[in-house]
Protein backbone atom coordinates (compact mmCIF):
# COMPACT_ATOMS: atom_id res chain seq x y z
CA MET A 1 0.18 -0.23 -0.01
CA LYS A 2 1.17 3.35 -0.96
CA PRO A 3 2.07 5.62 2.09
CA SER A 4 0.32 8.49 2.77
CA SER A 5 1.99 12.03 2.73
CA PRO A 6 2.29 14.04 5.75
CA THR A 7 0.15 16.82 4.20
CA THR A 8 -2.51 14.32 3.02
CA SER A 9 -2.73 11.89 5.78
CA ALA A 10 -5.63 12.29 8.13
CA PHE A 11 -5.30 13.82 11.44
CA PRO A 12 -4.83 11.73 14.56
CA ALA A 13 -7.74 10.06 16.02
CA VAL A 14 -9.31 12.17 18.65
CA ALA A 15 -8.46 10.96 22.06
CA ALA A 16 -10.97 11.08 24.96
CA GLN A 17 -9.77 14.56 26.12
CA GLY A 18 -9.90 15.90 22.46
CA LEU A 19 -6.72 17.24 20.27
CA VAL A 20 -5.67 20.80 20.11
CA THR A 21 -4.03 22.25 16.93
CA PHE A 22 -1.76 25.31 17.43
CA LEU A 23 -1.92 26.78 13.64
CA GLY A 24 -0.35 29.45 12.08
CA ALA A 25 -2.56 31.92 9.97
CA GLY A 26 0.13 34.01 8.37
CA PRO A 27 0.48 37.47 8.09
CA GLY A 28 -3.07 38.22 6.89
CA ASP A 29 -3.17 36.99 3.23
CA PRO A 30 -5.55 34.09 3.14
CA GLY A 31 -3.53 32.33 0.27
CA LEU A 32 -0.54 32.10 2.66
CA LEU A 33 -2.34 29.49 4.85
CA THR A 34 -0.81 25.92 4.29
CA LEU A 35 -2.81 22.80 3.17
CA ARG A 36 -2.06 21.20 6.57
CA ALA A 37 -3.73 24.27 8.16
CA VAL A 38 -6.94 24.08 5.68
CA GLU A 39 -6.99 20.25 6.62
CA ALA A 40 -7.37 21.07 10.29
CA LEU A 41 -9.59 23.90 9.95
CA THR A 42 -12.04 21.65 8.07
CA ALA A 43 -11.91 19.05 10.90
CA ALA A 44 -12.19 21.61 13.57
CA ASP A 45 -15.30 21.25 16.08
CA VAL A 46 -14.02 24.33 18.05
CA LEU A 47 -12.22 27.44 16.53
CA ILE A 48 -10.28 29.89 18.57
CA ALA A 49 -8.46 32.58 16.95
CA GLU A 50 -6.99 35.86 17.48
CA PRO A 51 -9.39 38.74 16.21
CA ASP A 52 -6.92 39.71 13.38
CA VAL A 53 -6.78 36.49 11.63
CA LEU A 54 -10.44 35.09 12.62
CA ASP A 55 -11.72 36.06 9.05
CA VAL A 56 -8.65 34.47 7.40
CA VAL A 57 -9.40 31.04 8.87
CA ARG A 58 -13.05 31.11 9.39
CA THR A 59 -13.74 30.47 5.68
CA HIS A 60 -11.80 27.24 5.53
CA ALA A 61 -13.69 26.03 8.92
CA ARG A 62 -17.21 23.71 8.74
CA ALA A 63 -20.68 25.12 9.14
CA GLY A 64 -21.45 25.45 12.85
CA VAL A 65 -18.13 25.22 14.18
CA ASP A 66 -17.87 26.83 17.53
CA THR A 67 -15.83 30.33 17.58
CA PRO A 68 -15.91 31.59 21.13
CA GLN A 69 -14.62 35.34 21.21
CA LEU A 70 -11.27 36.24 23.04
CA THR A 71 -10.89 38.94 25.15
CA VAL A 72 -7.83 41.44 25.75
CA ALA A 73 -5.83 41.12 28.98
CA ASP A 74 -4.78 44.37 29.32
CA GLU A 75 -5.16 47.94 28.17
CA VAL A 76 -1.35 48.50 27.40
CA SER A 77 -1.16 45.47 25.24
CA ALA A 78 -4.58 46.75 23.61
CA ALA A 79 -3.07 50.22 23.00
CA ALA A 80 0.22 48.54 21.42
CA GLY A 81 -1.90 46.99 18.92
CA VAL A 82 -0.64 43.43 19.75
CA PRO A 83 -3.39 42.38 22.29
CA VAL A 84 -2.43 39.65 24.71
CA ILE A 85 -5.20 37.05 24.89
CA ARG A 86 -6.59 36.45 28.55
CA ASP A 87 -9.00 33.58 27.96
CA ALA A 88 -7.52 31.49 25.36
CA ALA A 89 -5.82 28.77 27.47
CA ASN A 90 -8.96 28.23 29.54
CA LEU A 91 -10.99 28.05 26.48
CA VAL A 92 -8.64 25.82 24.68
CA MET A 93 -8.51 23.40 27.84
CA GLU A 94 -12.21 23.44 28.23
CA ALA A 95 -13.17 22.41 24.81
CA ALA A 96 -10.24 19.66 24.66
CA ARG A 97 -11.24 18.07 27.75
CA ALA A 98 -14.73 17.77 26.34
CA GLY A 99 -13.47 15.47 23.70
CA ARG A 100 -13.66 18.14 20.75
CA ARG A 101 -11.04 19.06 17.91
CA VAL A 102 -9.86 22.36 18.74
CA VAL A 103 -7.81 24.74 16.60
CA ARG A 104 -5.99 27.64 18.06
CA ALA A 105 -5.17 29.85 15.46
CA VAL A 106 -2.47 32.51 15.85
CA THR A 107 -1.14 35.50 13.61
CA GLY A 108 2.04 34.46 11.97
CA ASP A 109 3.66 31.33 13.04
CA PRO A 110 3.06 29.77 16.59
CA GLY A 111 6.60 28.82 17.29
CA LEU A 112 7.36 32.65 17.43
CA ASP A 113 4.28 33.36 19.70
CA GLY A 114 4.93 33.51 23.33
CA ASN A 115 1.00 33.04 24.15
CA ALA A 116 0.98 29.83 22.02
CA ALA A 117 4.08 28.43 23.99
CA GLY A 118 2.24 29.05 27.25
CA GLU A 119 -0.72 27.38 26.01
CA MET A 120 1.17 24.35 24.44
CA LEU A 121 2.75 23.94 27.85
CA ALA A 122 -0.60 23.93 29.64
CA CYS A 123 -1.79 21.24 27.21
CA ALA A 124 1.30 18.93 28.14
CA ASN A 125 0.86 19.40 31.77
CA ALA A 126 -2.62 18.40 31.79
CA GLY A 127 -1.84 15.31 29.50
CA ILE A 128 -4.04 16.95 26.35
CA PRO A 129 -2.50 15.80 23.21
CA PHE A 130 -1.55 18.49 20.78
CA GLU A 131 0.08 19.36 17.44
CA VAL A 132 1.79 22.36 15.52
CA VAL A 133 0.89 23.22 12.10
CA PRO A 134 3.73 26.03 11.26
CA GLY A 135 2.64 29.37 9.17
CA VAL A 136 4.44 32.22 7.54
CA ALA A 137 5.95 34.11 10.12
CA THR A 138 4.75 37.84 9.99
CA ALA A 139 8.48 39.09 10.30
CA VAL A 140 9.51 37.02 7.25
CA GLY A 141 6.17 37.27 5.19
CA VAL A 142 5.52 41.13 5.34
CA PRO A 143 9.06 42.29 3.69
CA ALA A 144 8.61 39.56 1.19
CA TYR A 145 5.12 41.05 -0.12
CA ALA A 146 6.88 44.61 0.55
CA GLY A 147 9.92 43.80 -1.89
CA VAL A 148 12.54 43.74 0.73
CA SER A 149 14.90 40.64 0.63
CA LEU A 150 16.53 40.20 4.04
CA ARG A 151 19.50 38.65 2.90
CA GLY A 152 21.46 39.79 -0.11
CA GLU A 153 24.29 38.13 -2.03
CA GLN A 154 26.88 38.62 0.61
CA GLY A 155 24.61 36.52 3.23
CA ALA A 156 24.46 39.15 5.92
CA ASP A 157 23.09 38.38 9.46
CA VAL A 158 19.46 38.67 9.93
CA ARG A 159 18.12 39.54 13.48
CA PHE A 160 14.76 39.90 14.71
CA VAL A 161 13.33 42.36 17.64
CA ASP A 162 10.11 42.97 19.00
CA ALA A 163 10.19 46.64 20.16
CA ARG A 164 7.83 46.10 22.69
CA THR A 165 9.91 44.07 24.73
CA ALA A 166 13.59 44.89 23.82
CA SER A 167 15.79 46.06 26.38
CA ALA A 168 18.64 48.41 26.56
CA ARG A 169 21.04 45.49 25.99
CA CYS A 170 18.86 44.24 22.92
CA TRP A 171 19.20 47.72 21.24
CA SER A 172 22.97 47.95 21.95
CA GLU A 173 23.74 44.67 20.53
CA VAL A 174 21.68 45.01 17.53
CA GLY A 175 22.72 48.44 17.08
CA ALA A 176 26.41 47.39 16.79
CA SER A 177 25.49 45.11 14.26
CA ASP A 178 25.70 45.83 10.61
CA GLY A 179 23.29 43.06 9.19
CA SER A 180 19.83 43.05 8.50
CA LEU A 181 17.39 43.92 11.32
CA VAL A 182 13.69 43.17 11.27
CA VAL A 183 11.68 45.19 13.91
CA SER A 184 8.29 44.61 14.92
CA ALA A 185 6.56 47.87 15.94
CA THR A 186 3.70 50.14 15.85
CA LEU A 187 3.41 53.10 13.67
CA GLU A 188 3.58 55.40 16.70
CA THR A 189 6.75 53.55 18.08
CA VAL A 190 8.72 52.90 15.20
CA SER A 191 10.59 56.29 14.98
CA ALA A 192 11.74 55.78 18.59
CA ALA A 193 12.90 52.54 17.59
CA ALA A 194 14.90 54.20 14.79
CA ALA A 195 16.30 56.67 17.46
CA GLU A 196 17.35 53.77 19.90
CA LEU A 197 19.46 52.19 16.91
CA VAL A 198 21.17 55.41 16.14
CA SER A 199 22.17 55.94 19.59
CA ALA A 200 23.49 52.40 19.66
CA GLY A 201 25.63 53.14 16.91
CA ARG A 202 23.87 52.73 13.58
CA SER A 203 24.52 55.26 11.02
CA PRO A 204 21.37 57.45 10.72
CA GLU A 205 21.75 57.32 7.02
CA THR A 206 21.00 53.45 7.12
CA PRO A 207 17.95 52.55 4.98
CA LEU A 208 14.76 51.63 6.59
CA THR A 209 11.21 50.24 5.22
CA VAL A 210 8.18 50.43 7.21
CA THR A 211 5.22 48.18 6.13
CA VAL A 212 1.68 48.45 7.79
CA GLY A 213 -1.02 46.09 6.65
CA GLY A 214 1.43 43.66 5.24
CA THR A 215 0.46 41.09 2.83
CA THR A 216 -2.97 42.66 2.35
CA THR A 217 -4.47 44.95 -0.04
CA ARG A 218 -4.09 47.54 2.88
CA GLN A 219 -0.48 47.20 2.83
CA ARG A 220 1.53 50.55 2.62
CA THR A 221 5.22 50.94 2.86
CA TRP A 222 7.35 53.80 3.37
CA CYS A 223 11.07 53.93 2.51
CA ALA A 224 13.18 56.42 4.53
CA THR A 225 16.45 56.27 6.82
CA LEU A 226 16.68 55.96 10.31
CA GLY A 227 17.48 59.43 10.77
CA THR A 228 14.68 60.64 8.36
CA ILE A 229 11.78 58.46 9.31
CA ALA A 230 10.14 60.53 11.70
CA GLN A 231 10.08 63.53 9.40
CA VAL A 232 8.69 61.40 6.74
CA PHE A 233 5.80 60.33 8.73
CA LYS A 234 5.18 64.02 9.80
CA GLN A 235 5.17 65.24 6.31
CA GLY A 236 3.35 62.37 4.60
CA LYS A 237 0.52 63.25 7.66
CA VAL A 238 0.90 59.75 8.63
CA LEU A 239 1.02 60.79 12.22
CA PRO A 240 -0.50 61.73 14.58
CA SER A 241 -3.33 59.43 13.72
CA PRO A 242 -6.02 57.19 15.34
CA GLU A 243 -4.32 54.47 13.50
CA GLY A 244 -0.91 54.93 15.34
CA SER A 245 -1.30 51.79 17.27
CA ARG A 246 -1.23 49.44 14.01
CA PRO A 247 1.52 46.98 14.06
CA VAL A 248 4.29 47.64 11.27
CA ILE A 249 7.27 45.69 10.41
CA ALA A 250 10.44 47.68 9.69
CA VAL A 251 13.25 46.39 7.97
CA VAL A 252 16.69 48.17 8.80
CA GLY A 253 19.86 47.69 6.25
CA GLU A 254 20.97 48.25 2.88
CA GLN A 255 18.45 45.44 1.54
CA GLY A 256 15.65 47.73 1.96
CA ALA A 257 17.08 50.78 0.14
CA SER A 258 14.62 52.82 -1.99
CA ALA A 259 15.96 52.10 -5.27
CA ARG A 260 16.43 48.35 -4.69
CA ARG A 261 12.66 48.13 -3.26
CA GLU A 262 11.21 49.75 -6.38
CA GLU A 263 12.60 46.87 -8.52
CA LEU A 264 11.23 44.29 -6.07
CA ALA A 265 8.01 45.61 -4.92
CA TRP A 266 5.85 43.02 -6.77
CA PHE A 267 2.71 43.18 -4.41
CA GLU A 268 2.27 46.96 -4.34
CA SER A 269 2.93 47.43 -8.12
CA LYS A 270 0.04 45.35 -9.17
CA PRO A 271 -2.35 47.20 -11.55
CA LEU A 272 -5.22 47.60 -9.24
CA PHE A 273 -3.49 47.49 -5.98
CA GLY A 274 -5.80 48.43 -3.20
CA TRP A 275 -8.74 49.46 -5.68
CA ARG A 276 -12.22 49.06 -4.17
CA VAL A 277 -14.06 47.75 -7.23
CA LEU A 278 -17.62 47.40 -7.18
CA VAL A 279 -19.33 44.32 -8.72
CA PRO A 280 -23.18 44.56 -9.24
CA ARG A 281 -23.72 41.06 -9.18
CA THR A 282 -24.26 38.28 -6.75
CA LYS A 283 -21.54 36.67 -4.84
CA GLU A 284 -22.46 33.35 -7.03
CA GLN A 285 -22.28 34.93 -10.17
CA ALA A 286 -19.35 36.92 -9.19
CA ALA A 287 -16.98 34.36 -7.99
CA SER A 288 -14.61 34.05 -10.85
CA LEU A 289 -14.46 37.62 -11.71
CA SER A 290 -13.94 38.68 -8.18
CA ASP A 291 -11.02 35.88 -7.97
CA GLN A 292 -9.73 37.55 -11.00
CA LEU A 293 -9.79 41.02 -9.47
CA ARG A 294 -8.12 39.90 -6.39
CA SER A 295 -4.89 38.56 -8.72
CA TYR A 296 -4.67 42.26 -10.04
CA GLY A 297 -4.57 43.38 -6.41
CA ALA A 298 -8.20 44.58 -6.05
CA VAL A 299 -10.54 44.40 -3.22
CA PRO A 300 -14.03 43.50 -4.93
CA HIS A 301 -17.22 44.24 -3.27
CA GLU A 302 -20.27 42.40 -4.57
CA VAL A 303 -23.56 44.09 -4.55
CA PRO A 304 -26.62 42.23 -6.24
CA THR A 305 -28.82 44.45 -8.23
CA ILE A 306 -31.37 41.80 -9.16
CA ALA A 307 -33.00 39.07 -7.40
CA VAL A 308 -34.20 35.79 -9.20
CA GLU A 309 -37.75 34.60 -8.57
CA PRO A 310 -39.71 31.53 -9.89
CA PRO A 311 -42.00 32.15 -12.63
CA ARG A 312 -45.65 33.49 -11.55
CA THR A 313 -47.05 30.37 -13.35
CA PRO A 314 -44.92 27.11 -13.07
CA GLN A 315 -47.02 25.12 -15.24
CA GLN A 316 -45.18 26.18 -18.69
CA MET A 317 -41.83 24.99 -17.14
CA GLU A 318 -43.16 21.85 -15.64
CA ARG A 319 -44.38 20.81 -19.17
CA ALA A 320 -41.00 21.79 -20.86
CA VAL A 321 -38.94 19.54 -18.31
CA LYS A 322 -41.09 16.77 -18.59
CA GLY A 323 -40.90 16.92 -22.43
CA LEU A 324 -37.25 16.72 -21.87
CA VAL A 325 -37.68 13.03 -20.66
CA THR A 326 -40.31 12.19 -23.22
CA GLY A 327 -38.00 13.19 -26.24
CA ARG A 328 -39.89 16.31 -27.30
CA TYR A 329 -36.79 18.32 -28.04
CA GLU A 330 -33.62 17.76 -30.07
CA TRP A 331 -32.00 20.92 -28.49
CA ILE A 332 -31.79 22.68 -25.06
CA ALA A 333 -29.93 26.25 -25.06
CA PHE A 334 -28.97 27.76 -21.91
CA THR A 335 -28.31 31.55 -22.01
CA SER A 336 -27.30 32.13 -18.48
CA VAL A 337 -26.45 30.50 -15.08
CA ASN A 338 -29.66 31.39 -13.62
CA ALA A 339 -31.26 29.31 -16.50
CA VAL A 340 -29.14 26.35 -15.67
CA LYS A 341 -30.17 26.78 -12.00
CA ALA A 342 -33.92 26.84 -12.76
CA VAL A 343 -33.61 23.58 -14.75
CA ARG A 344 -31.30 22.03 -12.03
CA GLU A 345 -33.84 22.87 -9.34
CA LYS A 346 -36.74 21.32 -11.44
CA PHE A 347 -34.89 18.18 -12.04
CA GLU A 348 -34.08 17.68 -8.14
CA GLU A 349 -37.78 18.41 -7.70
CA TYR A 350 -38.78 15.38 -9.85
CA GLY A 351 -35.73 13.15 -8.65
CA LEU A 352 -33.84 13.62 -11.99
CA ASP A 353 -30.23 14.24 -12.81
CA ALA A 354 -27.74 14.81 -15.41
CA ARG A 355 -28.67 11.53 -17.12
CA ALA A 356 -32.07 12.99 -18.18
CA PHE A 357 -30.01 14.95 -20.90
CA ALA A 358 -29.09 11.74 -22.76
CA GLY A 359 -29.89 12.10 -26.35
CA ILE A 360 -30.52 15.84 -26.15
CA LYS A 361 -27.95 18.48 -27.63
CA VAL A 362 -27.12 21.28 -25.28
CA ALA A 363 -25.88 24.73 -26.07
CA ALA A 364 -24.41 27.21 -23.63
CA VAL A 365 -23.80 30.98 -24.23
CA GLY A 366 -20.65 32.09 -22.17
CA GLU A 367 -18.08 30.60 -20.25
CA GLN A 368 -19.75 30.69 -16.83
CA THR A 369 -23.06 29.07 -18.04
CA ALA A 370 -20.80 26.27 -19.52
CA ALA A 371 -19.02 25.85 -16.42
CA SER A 372 -22.38 25.66 -14.61
CA LEU A 373 -23.55 22.80 -16.83
CA ILE A 374 -20.19 20.90 -16.67
CA GLU A 375 -20.72 21.18 -12.69
CA PHE A 376 -24.26 19.68 -13.16
CA GLY A 377 -22.66 16.82 -15.09
CA VAL A 378 -23.65 18.03 -18.39
CA LYS A 379 -21.01 18.93 -21.09
CA PRO A 380 -22.34 21.43 -23.82
CA ASP A 381 -22.44 20.32 -27.29
CA LEU A 382 -22.35 24.07 -28.94
CA VAL A 383 -20.64 27.09 -27.44
CA PRO A 384 -20.08 30.14 -29.42
CA SER A 385 -16.82 30.12 -31.24
CA GLY A 386 -16.89 33.80 -31.53
CA GLU A 387 -18.90 36.28 -29.68
CA GLN A 388 -20.20 35.34 -26.30
CA SER A 389 -23.81 36.18 -26.63
CA ALA A 390 -27.25 35.16 -28.55
CA ALA A 391 -26.18 36.50 -31.65
CA GLY A 392 -22.59 34.58 -31.45
CA LEU A 393 -24.78 31.36 -30.65
CA LEU A 394 -26.78 31.73 -33.85
CA GLU A 395 -23.58 32.10 -36.02
CA ASP A 396 -22.54 28.50 -35.07
CA TRP A 397 -26.21 26.92 -34.67
CA PRO A 398 -26.83 24.50 -37.48
CA PRO A 399 -30.07 25.00 -39.50
CA TYR A 400 -32.73 22.41 -39.10
CA ASP A 401 -32.21 19.37 -41.48
CA PRO A 402 -35.48 17.17 -41.70
CA VAL A 403 -32.92 14.32 -42.62
CA PHE A 404 -30.51 14.61 -39.81
CA ASP A 405 -32.54 15.88 -37.11
CA PRO A 406 -35.44 13.70 -36.00
CA ILE A 407 -36.84 16.32 -33.92
CA ASP A 408 -37.45 20.28 -34.91
CA ARG A 409 -37.92 21.63 -31.57
CA VAL A 410 -35.77 23.68 -29.17
CA PHE A 411 -36.43 24.06 -25.45
CA LEU A 412 -35.31 27.80 -24.39
CA PRO A 413 -35.51 28.20 -20.58
CA ARG A 414 -34.72 32.10 -19.88
CA ALA A 415 -35.54 34.90 -17.90
CA ASP A 416 -38.89 36.78 -18.34
CA ILE A 417 -37.20 39.82 -19.71
CA ALA A 418 -34.92 38.48 -22.23
CA THR A 419 -34.69 39.86 -25.81
CA GLU A 420 -36.17 38.11 -28.80
CA THR A 421 -32.87 37.69 -30.72
CA LEU A 422 -31.97 34.15 -30.28
CA VAL A 423 -35.78 32.98 -30.48
CA ALA A 424 -36.31 34.79 -33.80
CA GLY A 425 -32.77 33.52 -35.34
CA LEU A 426 -33.80 30.10 -34.31
CA ILE A 427 -36.96 30.03 -35.99
CA GLU A 428 -35.31 31.75 -39.01
CA LEU A 429 -33.16 28.64 -39.16
CA GLY A 430 -36.05 26.35 -39.32
CA TRP A 431 -36.49 25.41 -35.85
CA GLU A 432 -39.30 25.33 -33.59
CA VAL A 433 -38.82 27.05 -30.23
CA ASP A 434 -40.52 26.64 -26.87
CA ASP A 435 -39.62 29.94 -25.27
CA VAL A 436 -40.20 29.12 -21.85
CA THR A 437 -39.81 31.52 -18.82
CA ALA A 438 -37.75 29.58 -16.39
CA TYR A 439 -37.28 32.44 -13.62
CA ARG A 440 -38.17 35.95 -13.29
CA THR A 441 -35.70 39.02 -12.59
CA VAL A 442 -36.63 41.71 -10.18
CA ARG A 443 -34.72 44.71 -8.89
CA ALA A 444 -32.83 43.76 -5.70
CA SER A 445 -33.44 45.39 -2.52
CA PRO A 446 -30.99 48.33 -1.91
CA PRO A 447 -27.43 47.74 -0.38
CA PRO A 448 -26.65 48.87 3.09
CA ALA A 449 -26.37 52.64 3.78
CA ASP A 450 -22.50 52.62 4.08
CA THR A 451 -22.63 50.94 0.76
CA ARG A 452 -24.96 53.26 -0.96
CA GLU A 453 -22.82 56.24 0.56
CA ALA A 454 -19.67 54.84 -0.74
CA ILE A 455 -21.35 54.38 -4.46
CA LYS A 456 -22.29 58.39 -4.56
CA GLY A 457 -19.53 59.59 -2.43
CA GLY A 458 -16.62 58.33 -4.37
CA GLY A 459 -15.62 55.43 -1.82
CA PHE A 460 -15.21 53.00 -4.70
CA ASP A 461 -12.54 53.31 -7.10
CA ALA A 462 -14.30 51.35 -10.06
CA VAL A 463 -17.59 49.71 -10.95
CA LEU A 464 -17.89 46.97 -13.40
CA PHE A 465 -20.94 46.95 -15.48
CA THR A 466 -21.75 43.51 -17.15
CA SER A 467 -25.22 44.43 -18.75
CA SER A 468 -27.28 47.28 -19.37
CA SER A 469 -29.84 45.88 -16.54
CA THR A 470 -26.94 46.45 -14.07
CA VAL A 471 -26.34 49.91 -14.97
CA ARG A 472 -30.28 50.73 -14.55
CA ASN A 473 -30.63 48.68 -11.39
CA LEU A 474 -27.80 49.63 -9.44
CA VAL A 475 -28.66 53.67 -10.21
CA GLY A 476 -32.28 52.56 -9.07
CA ILE A 477 -31.33 51.12 -5.81
CA ALA A 478 -28.37 52.82 -4.73
CA GLY A 479 -27.75 56.11 -6.72
CA LYS A 480 -25.16 56.98 -9.36
CA PRO A 481 -21.77 56.54 -8.70
CA HIS A 482 -19.25 59.54 -8.15
CA ASN A 483 -17.41 60.99 -10.73
CA VAL A 484 -13.91 60.31 -9.64
CA THR A 485 -15.17 56.40 -10.08
CA VAL A 486 -13.83 54.52 -12.94
CA ILE A 487 -16.72 53.10 -15.02
CA ALA A 488 -16.04 49.90 -16.96
CA CYS A 489 -18.72 48.21 -19.23
CA ILE A 490 -18.56 45.15 -20.86
CA GLY A 491 -19.91 46.13 -24.28
CA PRO A 492 -21.42 48.97 -26.43
CA ALA A 493 -25.20 48.53 -25.26
CA THR A 494 -23.95 48.59 -21.70
CA ALA A 495 -21.76 51.82 -22.21
CA LYS A 496 -24.46 53.43 -24.09
CA THR A 497 -27.13 52.79 -21.22
CA ALA A 498 -24.37 54.13 -18.77
CA GLU A 499 -24.03 57.44 -20.66
CA GLU A 500 -27.70 57.65 -20.83
CA HIS A 501 -27.64 57.73 -16.77
CA GLY A 502 -24.93 60.63 -16.87
CA LEU A 503 -21.97 58.27 -16.42
CA ARG A 504 -18.70 58.72 -18.19
CA VAL A 505 -17.36 55.48 -19.58
CA ASP A 506 -13.66 54.88 -19.01
CA VAL A 507 -13.08 51.36 -19.72
CA LEU A 508 -14.83 49.12 -22.55
CA SER A 509 -14.08 45.66 -22.74
CA PRO A 510 -12.76 44.49 -26.07
CA GLU A 511 -15.16 41.52 -25.94
CA PRO A 512 -18.26 40.74 -24.34
CA SER A 513 -16.88 38.58 -21.66
CA VAL A 514 -16.38 39.39 -17.71
CA SER A 515 -12.81 38.18 -17.93
CA LYS A 516 -11.99 40.47 -20.91
CA LEU A 517 -13.71 43.30 -18.95
CA ALA A 518 -11.37 42.67 -15.70
CA GLU A 519 -8.20 42.64 -18.17
CA ALA A 520 -9.29 45.71 -19.50
CA LEU A 521 -9.70 47.36 -16.12
CA ALA A 522 -6.43 46.00 -15.14
CA ALA A 523 -4.64 47.49 -18.42
CA TYR A 524 -6.30 50.72 -17.33
CA GLY A 525 -4.95 50.93 -13.84
CA GLU A 526 -1.38 49.98 -15.10
CA ALA A 527 -1.51 52.81 -17.56
CA ARG A 528 -2.80 54.95 -15.02
CA ARG A 529 0.07 53.94 -12.70
CA GLU A 530 2.91 54.52 -15.24
CA ALA A 531 1.45 57.98 -16.06
CA ALA A 532 1.79 58.98 -12.56
CA LYS A 533 5.28 57.75 -12.19
CA GLU A 534 6.35 59.45 -15.29
CA ALA A 535 4.90 62.69 -14.14
CA GLY A 536 6.64 62.34 -10.88
CA GLU A 537 3.42 61.90 -8.84
CA SER A 538 2.65 59.41 -6.30
CA VAL A 539 0.58 56.73 -7.21
CA ALA A 540 -2.99 57.44 -5.99
CA ARG A 541 -6.31 55.40 -6.20
CA PRO A 542 -9.13 57.18 -8.06
CA SER A 543 -11.09 57.48 -4.61
CA GLU A 544 -8.02 59.29 -2.90
CA ARG A 545 -8.30 61.80 -5.83
CA ARG A 546 -11.78 63.26 -4.58
CA PRO A 547 -12.30 66.33 -2.71
CA GLY A 548 -11.64 65.73 1.09
CA ALA A 549 -10.34 62.17 0.59
CA ARG A 550 -7.13 61.88 2.83
CA ARG A 551 -4.13 61.14 0.41
CA ARG A 552 -1.63 58.29 1.68
CA ARG A 553 2.04 58.26 0.73
CA THR A 554 2.83 54.89 -0.77
CA THR A 555 6.53 55.28 -1.86
């Protein structure tokens, strides 16, 4: 029998007193979770996580997992931005003694977390089995995302210091070194740490990078020297600020020199880095589009503009689905994911599955519609080779041939507001069409007040419109986007509708595809970034250009 690998083997059986997994959640980017961490999270009965990483790990936990809240031990720790958790050990022990699988998630790596070490000792003393799943250490992961290599070609020493607990002796020792130094501090304390190093012997001209929000799309990095960091923060209006207690990672040494970092800053130089992009679609419809936007550094925000409801009279749909089984149709054509969903739900209602499509040719418009069918277990026979639209489908649809086509009828399940283009085209090709209302589209409820305010007030950097109806419905339920917001449209018809509503269209997709629309927006963002650099200006998001918006220094 082939031995299982360490990352795919099952977790140890739970003993009577349970099992505790001490898990490193990394610096903040959910993509940095290890495969082993995801396995542990999916098996957890109880998830005890520090507030900073709760959202990172919770998405991988099963539904119904217990997530007891942690509390801060003292006000001093809270003010420093790195809270000491008071009751974590008690919660861990209580759940483990009840025979439950417990995941204790900490920021970064548990091996570098003093609180986690204490909790491990408590488990060991109590005879409770535990294991450790390492994570990406914050002090290593954040510099990597900031474009700062900790070691160069010469292989200099690298030292790590926590400014909160560093003693005078510690500052003296690291100040006398000429290697790279990684300092964990806060926005408010990093200047004092720099002064300590200068007092201990480091040159004030030593390069320094300071990164806040590392590995997330909120990441910001400042380049300075030990002697100028306080002035850089003051001139950039970084401090004083209510956010002064936010944790930062500062890297001291030649590896963080400004010119070098400019070449290596891969994360913050993504074309849409930090852009808040409004996607007027449901979370299910927008999944692949949102993933693509994240790959460009954007922060997608899905807002449904339509709600899908069953048809008012279901009899027509019921007859058509029964006709599929009895051989009434030669073809069935799906023009949307919602149409696939409507037919699938009706199949499940009758106890049918994908096998009911045997002998029937299936057509699909669009990559997402085709993917939805494949997920159902049906591979489309026809997908447009060109334009992904009803017109594109008609270009490839064969005319009815009484010799080769035993049946001349097409089942077309679609929305109540769909256009007649496909029906008219199929009839012209000689087919009989059962044009059936599979679902109704109605205007969605307005989004929360803060989202509406962000739309109208310029809080979003861009809006992606994927159809004319998304334009009309978004304006109807939330108001018109601010004039600083970049408007991107999937095609000429959508752009025309946007202009009719008083919107300036900045980006037009070269093809009617959501993927190409996202690519076009990314190209626009890249061109905008390059133009700012050539003009000698700091790179700012569109929302930072609106009156009253606080400008952040990103160099």
